[in-house]
Amino acid sequence: MDNIFQLSNNLGNREIFETIINSKNVKIERIISTGQTTPEGTWYDQDQDEWVILLQGKATLLYSDNSSIDLKAGDYLLINAHQKHRVTFTSINPLCIWLAIHGNFTDH
């Protein structure tokens, strides 16, 4: 048994991506952000939908249409496949703990 909130003592200031489940149809991962953002001019453009919940911390996502969304602990959303987005802020204290589920959840 593991605990989603259990953190390593030697995280430093790196971002951690931990795969919890990876199958043919779905990937579930825990992401720990320690202040990281998407590099300027870079956009995520994923082939699959991504349902994500921020379990701890605060973060801001920016979409390619210039709309943004501020997230706090407990907030979740669905990012459709090929919906270009980037992370422009993640809190350091507390660290951000995300749970992301990747798959084909919507008809495109």
N, C-alpha and C. Protein backbone atom coordinates (compact mmCIF):
# COMPACT_ATOMS: atom_id res chain seq x y z
N MET A 1 0.84 -1.17 0.00
CA MET A 1 0.00 0.00 0.00
C MET A 1 0.89 1.24 0.00
N ASP A 2 0.48 2.25 -0.77
CA ASP A 2 1.18 3.52 -0.81
C ASP A 2 0.23 4.63 -0.38
N ASN A 3 0.78 5.82 -0.19
CA ASN A 3 -0.01 6.97 0.21
C ASN A 3 0.29 8.11 -0.76
N ILE A 4 -0.75 8.68 -1.37
CA ILE A 4 -0.60 9.72 -2.38
C ILE A 4 0.10 10.96 -1.82
N PHE A 5 0.02 11.18 -0.51
CA PHE A 5 0.63 12.36 0.12
C PHE A 5 2.03 12.10 0.67
N GLN A 6 2.49 10.86 0.63
CA GLN A 6 3.83 10.51 1.12
C GLN A 6 4.87 11.07 0.15
N LEU A 7 5.76 11.91 0.66
CA LEU A 7 6.78 12.54 -0.17
C LEU A 7 8.17 12.12 0.28
N SER A 8 9.06 11.99 -0.68
CA SER A 8 10.45 11.69 -0.40
C SER A 8 11.09 12.91 0.28
N ASN A 9 12.03 12.66 1.16
CA ASN A 9 12.72 13.75 1.84
C ASN A 9 13.73 14.46 0.95
N ASN A 10 14.10 13.87 -0.17
CA ASN A 10 15.13 14.45 -1.03
C ASN A 10 14.57 14.89 -2.39
N LEU A 11 13.42 15.53 -2.38
CA LEU A 11 12.82 16.03 -3.62
C LEU A 11 13.67 17.12 -4.27
N GLY A 12 14.28 17.95 -3.45
CA GLY A 12 15.00 19.09 -4.01
C GLY A 12 14.01 20.01 -4.69
N ASN A 13 14.39 20.58 -5.80
CA ASN A 13 13.47 21.44 -6.55
C ASN A 13 13.23 20.88 -7.94
N ARG A 14 13.03 19.58 -8.01
CA ARG A 14 12.73 18.94 -9.30
C ARG A 14 11.27 18.52 -9.33
N GLU A 15 10.76 18.32 -10.52
CA GLU A 15 9.39 17.85 -10.70
C GLU A 15 9.42 16.34 -10.88
N ILE A 16 8.51 15.66 -10.22
CA ILE A 16 8.48 14.19 -10.21
C ILE A 16 7.21 13.70 -10.91
N PHE A 17 7.35 12.76 -11.83
CA PHE A 17 6.24 12.09 -12.49
C PHE A 17 6.32 10.61 -12.12
N GLU A 18 5.31 10.11 -11.40
CA GLU A 18 5.30 8.72 -10.96
C GLU A 18 4.09 8.02 -11.56
N THR A 19 4.34 7.01 -12.37
CA THR A 19 3.25 6.23 -12.94
C THR A 19 2.71 5.28 -11.88
N ILE A 20 1.40 5.35 -11.66
CA ILE A 20 0.74 4.47 -10.70
C ILE A 20 0.16 3.26 -11.43
N ILE A 21 -0.52 3.52 -12.55
CA ILE A 21 -1.08 2.47 -13.39
C ILE A 21 -0.84 2.86 -14.85
N ASN A 22 -0.42 1.89 -15.65
CA ASN A 22 -0.25 2.15 -17.07
C ASN A 22 -0.74 0.93 -17.83
N SER A 23 -1.88 1.08 -18.51
CA SER A 23 -2.44 -0.02 -19.28
C SER A 23 -2.69 0.46 -20.71
N LYS A 24 -3.27 -0.40 -21.50
CA LYS A 24 -3.56 -0.06 -22.89
C LYS A 24 -4.50 1.14 -23.00
N ASN A 25 -5.45 1.26 -22.09
CA ASN A 25 -6.49 2.28 -22.21
C ASN A 25 -6.37 3.47 -21.26
N VAL A 26 -5.56 3.34 -20.22
CA VAL A 26 -5.50 4.42 -19.23
C VAL A 26 -4.11 4.47 -18.59
N LYS A 27 -3.69 5.68 -18.27
CA LYS A 27 -2.47 5.89 -17.50
C LYS A 27 -2.83 6.82 -16.34
N ILE A 28 -2.46 6.41 -15.13
CA ILE A 28 -2.68 7.23 -13.94
C ILE A 28 -1.31 7.56 -13.38
N GLU A 29 -1.10 8.86 -13.12
CA GLU A 29 0.19 9.25 -12.58
C GLU A 29 0.03 10.30 -11.49
N ARG A 30 0.98 10.28 -10.57
CA ARG A 30 1.10 11.33 -9.56
C ARG A 30 2.21 12.25 -10.03
N ILE A 31 1.94 13.54 -9.96
CA ILE A 31 2.93 14.54 -10.33
C ILE A 31 3.16 15.42 -9.11
N ILE A 32 4.41 15.63 -8.78
CA ILE A 32 4.77 16.52 -7.69
C ILE A 32 5.54 17.68 -8.30
N SER A 33 4.97 18.88 -8.18
CA SER A 33 5.61 20.08 -8.71
C SER A 33 6.13 20.92 -7.56
N THR A 34 7.34 21.41 -7.73
CA THR A 34 7.98 22.22 -6.70
C THR A 34 8.33 23.59 -7.27
N GLY A 35 7.31 24.24 -7.86
CA GLY A 35 7.51 25.56 -8.44
C GLY A 35 7.75 25.56 -9.94
N GLN A 36 7.72 24.39 -10.58
CA GLN A 36 7.99 24.31 -12.01
C GLN A 36 6.85 24.90 -12.84
N THR A 37 7.20 25.39 -14.02
CA THR A 37 6.24 25.85 -15.01
C THR A 37 6.67 25.30 -16.37
N THR A 38 5.76 25.35 -17.32
CA THR A 38 6.09 24.94 -18.69
C THR A 38 6.99 26.02 -19.28
N PRO A 39 8.07 25.63 -19.95
CA PRO A 39 8.96 26.64 -20.54
C PRO A 39 8.20 27.59 -21.48
N GLU A 40 8.57 28.85 -21.45
CA GLU A 40 7.94 29.88 -22.29
C GLU A 40 7.93 29.44 -23.75
N GLY A 41 6.78 29.60 -24.41
CA GLY A 41 6.64 29.25 -25.82
C GLY A 41 6.37 27.78 -26.07
N THR A 42 6.34 26.96 -25.02
CA THR A 42 6.08 25.52 -25.15
C THR A 42 4.63 25.25 -24.74
N TRP A 43 3.97 24.37 -25.49
CA TRP A 43 2.58 24.00 -25.19
C TRP A 43 2.48 22.49 -25.12
N TYR A 44 1.71 22.00 -24.16
CA TYR A 44 1.35 20.58 -24.16
C TYR A 44 0.25 20.39 -25.19
N ASP A 45 0.40 19.39 -26.05
CA ASP A 45 -0.58 19.06 -27.08
C ASP A 45 -0.66 17.54 -27.11
N GLN A 46 -1.48 16.99 -26.22
CA GLN A 46 -1.51 15.56 -25.96
C GLN A 46 -2.50 14.83 -26.86
N ASP A 47 -2.16 13.59 -27.20
CA ASP A 47 -3.03 12.76 -28.04
C ASP A 47 -4.23 12.20 -27.28
N GLN A 48 -4.18 12.20 -25.95
CA GLN A 48 -5.27 11.66 -25.15
C GLN A 48 -5.86 12.76 -24.26
N ASP A 49 -7.09 12.53 -23.79
CA ASP A 49 -7.69 13.41 -22.80
C ASP A 49 -6.92 13.25 -21.49
N GLU A 50 -6.97 14.28 -20.66
CA GLU A 50 -6.34 14.21 -19.34
C GLU A 50 -7.29 14.79 -18.31
N TRP A 51 -7.70 13.94 -17.36
CA TRP A 51 -8.48 14.40 -16.22
C TRP A 51 -7.46 14.59 -15.11
N VAL A 52 -7.46 15.78 -14.50
CA VAL A 52 -6.45 16.07 -13.49
C VAL A 52 -7.12 16.72 -12.28
N ILE A 53 -6.65 16.33 -11.10
CA ILE A 53 -7.09 16.96 -9.85
C ILE A 53 -5.85 17.43 -9.11
N LEU A 54 -5.92 18.64 -8.58
CA LEU A 54 -4.85 19.16 -7.74
C LEU A 54 -5.20 18.80 -6.30
N LEU A 55 -4.42 17.91 -5.71
CA LEU A 55 -4.70 17.43 -4.36
C LEU A 55 -4.13 18.34 -3.28
N GLN A 56 -3.05 19.04 -3.62
CA GLN A 56 -2.40 19.93 -2.66
C GLN A 56 -1.73 21.06 -3.44
N GLY A 57 -1.75 22.26 -2.87
CA GLY A 57 -1.07 23.39 -3.48
C GLY A 57 -1.99 24.26 -4.32
N LYS A 58 -1.36 25.14 -5.10
CA LYS A 58 -2.06 26.03 -6.02
C LYS A 58 -1.32 26.03 -7.34
N ALA A 59 -2.07 26.21 -8.44
CA ALA A 59 -1.46 26.20 -9.77
C ALA A 59 -2.31 27.03 -10.73
N THR A 60 -1.71 27.41 -11.83
CA THR A 60 -2.41 28.13 -12.89
C THR A 60 -2.10 27.47 -14.22
N LEU A 61 -3.16 27.20 -15.00
CA LEU A 61 -3.03 26.69 -16.36
C LEU A 61 -3.42 27.79 -17.33
N LEU A 62 -2.70 27.86 -18.45
CA LEU A 62 -3.01 28.80 -19.52
C LEU A 62 -3.30 28.00 -20.78
N TYR A 63 -4.39 28.35 -21.47
CA TYR A 63 -4.75 27.70 -22.72
C TYR A 63 -4.30 28.57 -23.89
N SER A 64 -4.19 27.97 -25.07
CA SER A 64 -3.68 28.68 -26.24
C SER A 64 -4.59 29.83 -26.68
N ASP A 65 -5.86 29.84 -26.23
CA ASP A 65 -6.75 30.96 -26.55
C ASP A 65 -6.58 32.11 -25.55
N ASN A 66 -5.56 32.01 -24.70
CA ASN A 66 -5.21 33.02 -23.69
C ASN A 66 -6.12 33.01 -22.46
N SER A 67 -7.03 32.06 -22.35
CA SER A 67 -7.82 31.94 -21.12
C SER A 67 -6.97 31.16 -20.11
N SER A 68 -7.20 31.42 -18.84
CA SER A 68 -6.44 30.72 -17.82
C SER A 68 -7.38 30.28 -16.70
N ILE A 69 -6.89 29.35 -15.91
CA ILE A 69 -7.66 28.85 -14.79
C ILE A 69 -6.74 28.69 -13.59
N ASP A 70 -7.16 29.24 -12.46
CA ASP A 70 -6.43 29.09 -11.21
C ASP A 70 -6.99 27.89 -10.46
N LEU A 71 -6.12 27.02 -10.01
CA LEU A 71 -6.53 25.81 -9.29
C LEU A 71 -6.04 25.86 -7.85
N LYS A 72 -6.87 25.35 -6.96
CA LYS A 72 -6.49 25.17 -5.56
C LYS A 72 -6.79 23.71 -5.21
N ALA A 73 -6.32 23.29 -4.07
CA ALA A 73 -6.50 21.90 -3.65
C ALA A 73 -7.96 21.48 -3.77
N GLY A 74 -8.19 20.36 -4.43
CA GLY A 74 -9.53 19.83 -4.62
C GLY A 74 -10.12 20.15 -5.99
N ASP A 75 -9.57 21.13 -6.70
CA ASP A 75 -10.09 21.47 -8.03
C ASP A 75 -9.66 20.44 -9.05
N TYR A 76 -10.57 20.10 -9.95
CA TYR A 76 -10.24 19.15 -11.02
C TYR A 76 -10.84 19.63 -12.33
N LEU A 77 -10.30 19.12 -13.44
CA LEU A 77 -10.80 19.49 -14.76
C LEU A 77 -10.41 18.44 -15.78
N LEU A 78 -11.08 18.51 -16.90
CA LEU A 78 -10.78 17.64 -18.03
C LEU A 78 -10.14 18.48 -19.12
N ILE A 79 -8.96 18.08 -19.55
CA ILE A 79 -8.28 18.73 -20.65
C ILE A 79 -8.43 17.79 -21.85
N ASN A 80 -9.17 18.24 -22.85
CA ASN A 80 -9.42 17.41 -24.03
C ASN A 80 -8.13 17.17 -24.81
N ALA A 81 -8.07 16.06 -25.50
CA ALA A 81 -6.94 15.77 -26.37
C ALA A 81 -6.73 16.95 -27.33
N HIS A 82 -5.49 17.30 -27.54
CA HIS A 82 -5.06 18.39 -28.45
C HIS A 82 -5.54 19.77 -28.02
N GLN A 83 -5.99 19.92 -26.78
CA GLN A 83 -6.29 21.25 -26.25
C GLN A 83 -4.96 21.79 -25.70
N LYS A 84 -4.36 22.69 -26.45
CA LYS A 84 -3.04 23.19 -26.09
C LYS A 84 -3.13 23.97 -24.78
N HIS A 85 -2.19 23.65 -23.87
CA HIS A 85 -2.17 24.27 -22.56
C HIS A 85 -0.76 24.26 -22.01
N ARG A 86 -0.55 25.09 -21.01
CA ARG A 86 0.73 25.14 -20.32
C ARG A 86 0.50 25.50 -18.86
N VAL A 87 1.44 25.15 -18.02
CA VAL A 87 1.39 25.47 -16.60
C VAL A 87 2.22 26.73 -16.40
N THR A 88 1.59 27.79 -15.85
CA THR A 88 2.31 29.05 -15.67
C THR A 88 2.66 29.33 -14.21
N PHE A 89 2.13 28.52 -13.28
CA PHE A 89 2.45 28.69 -11.86
C PHE A 89 2.17 27.40 -11.12
N THR A 90 3.09 27.03 -10.23
CA THR A 90 2.83 25.99 -9.22
C THR A 90 3.44 26.46 -7.91
N SER A 91 2.71 26.27 -6.84
CA SER A 91 3.18 26.72 -5.52
C SER A 91 4.33 25.85 -5.03
N ILE A 92 5.13 26.46 -4.18
CA ILE A 92 6.26 25.76 -3.56
C ILE A 92 5.91 25.35 -2.13
N ASN A 93 5.16 26.20 -1.45
CA ASN A 93 4.78 25.91 -0.07
C ASN A 93 3.28 26.15 0.10
N PRO A 94 2.46 25.13 0.03
CA PRO A 94 2.84 23.72 -0.08
C PRO A 94 3.16 23.34 -1.52
N LEU A 95 3.90 22.25 -1.66
CA LEU A 95 4.18 21.69 -2.98
C LEU A 95 2.86 21.29 -3.65
N CYS A 96 2.87 21.21 -4.97
CA CYS A 96 1.69 20.74 -5.69
C CYS A 96 1.75 19.22 -5.83
N ILE A 97 0.66 18.58 -5.48
CA ILE A 97 0.50 17.15 -5.73
C ILE A 97 -0.70 17.01 -6.64
N TRP A 98 -0.46 16.47 -7.82
CA TRP A 98 -1.49 16.27 -8.84
C TRP A 98 -1.75 14.78 -8.99
N LEU A 99 -2.97 14.44 -9.37
CA LEU A 99 -3.30 13.11 -9.83
C LEU A 99 -3.85 13.29 -11.23
N ALA A 100 -3.19 12.69 -12.21
CA ALA A 100 -3.58 12.84 -13.62
C ALA A 100 -3.97 11.47 -14.18
N ILE A 101 -5.10 11.45 -14.88
CA ILE A 101 -5.58 10.24 -15.52
C ILE A 101 -5.67 10.53 -17.01
N HIS A 102 -4.92 9.78 -17.80
CA HIS A 102 -4.86 9.96 -19.25
C HIS A 102 -5.63 8.82 -19.93
N GLY A 103 -6.45 9.16 -20.90
CA GLY A 103 -7.20 8.15 -21.66
C GLY A 103 -8.09 8.83 -22.69
N ASN A 104 -8.98 8.06 -23.27
CA ASN A 104 -9.92 8.59 -24.24
C ASN A 104 -11.28 8.64 -23.55
N PHE A 105 -11.64 9.82 -23.03
CA PHE A 105 -12.83 9.97 -22.22
C PHE A 105 -13.98 10.66 -22.95
N THR A 106 -13.69 11.34 -24.05
CA THR A 106 -14.71 12.09 -24.77
C THR A 106 -14.68 11.72 -26.24
N ASP A 107 -15.80 11.95 -26.90
CA ASP A 107 -15.85 11.74 -28.35
C ASP A 107 -15.27 12.98 -29.03
N HIS A 108 -14.37 12.76 -29.96
CA HIS A 108 -13.72 13.91 -30.64
C HIS A 108 -14.16 13.98 -32.08
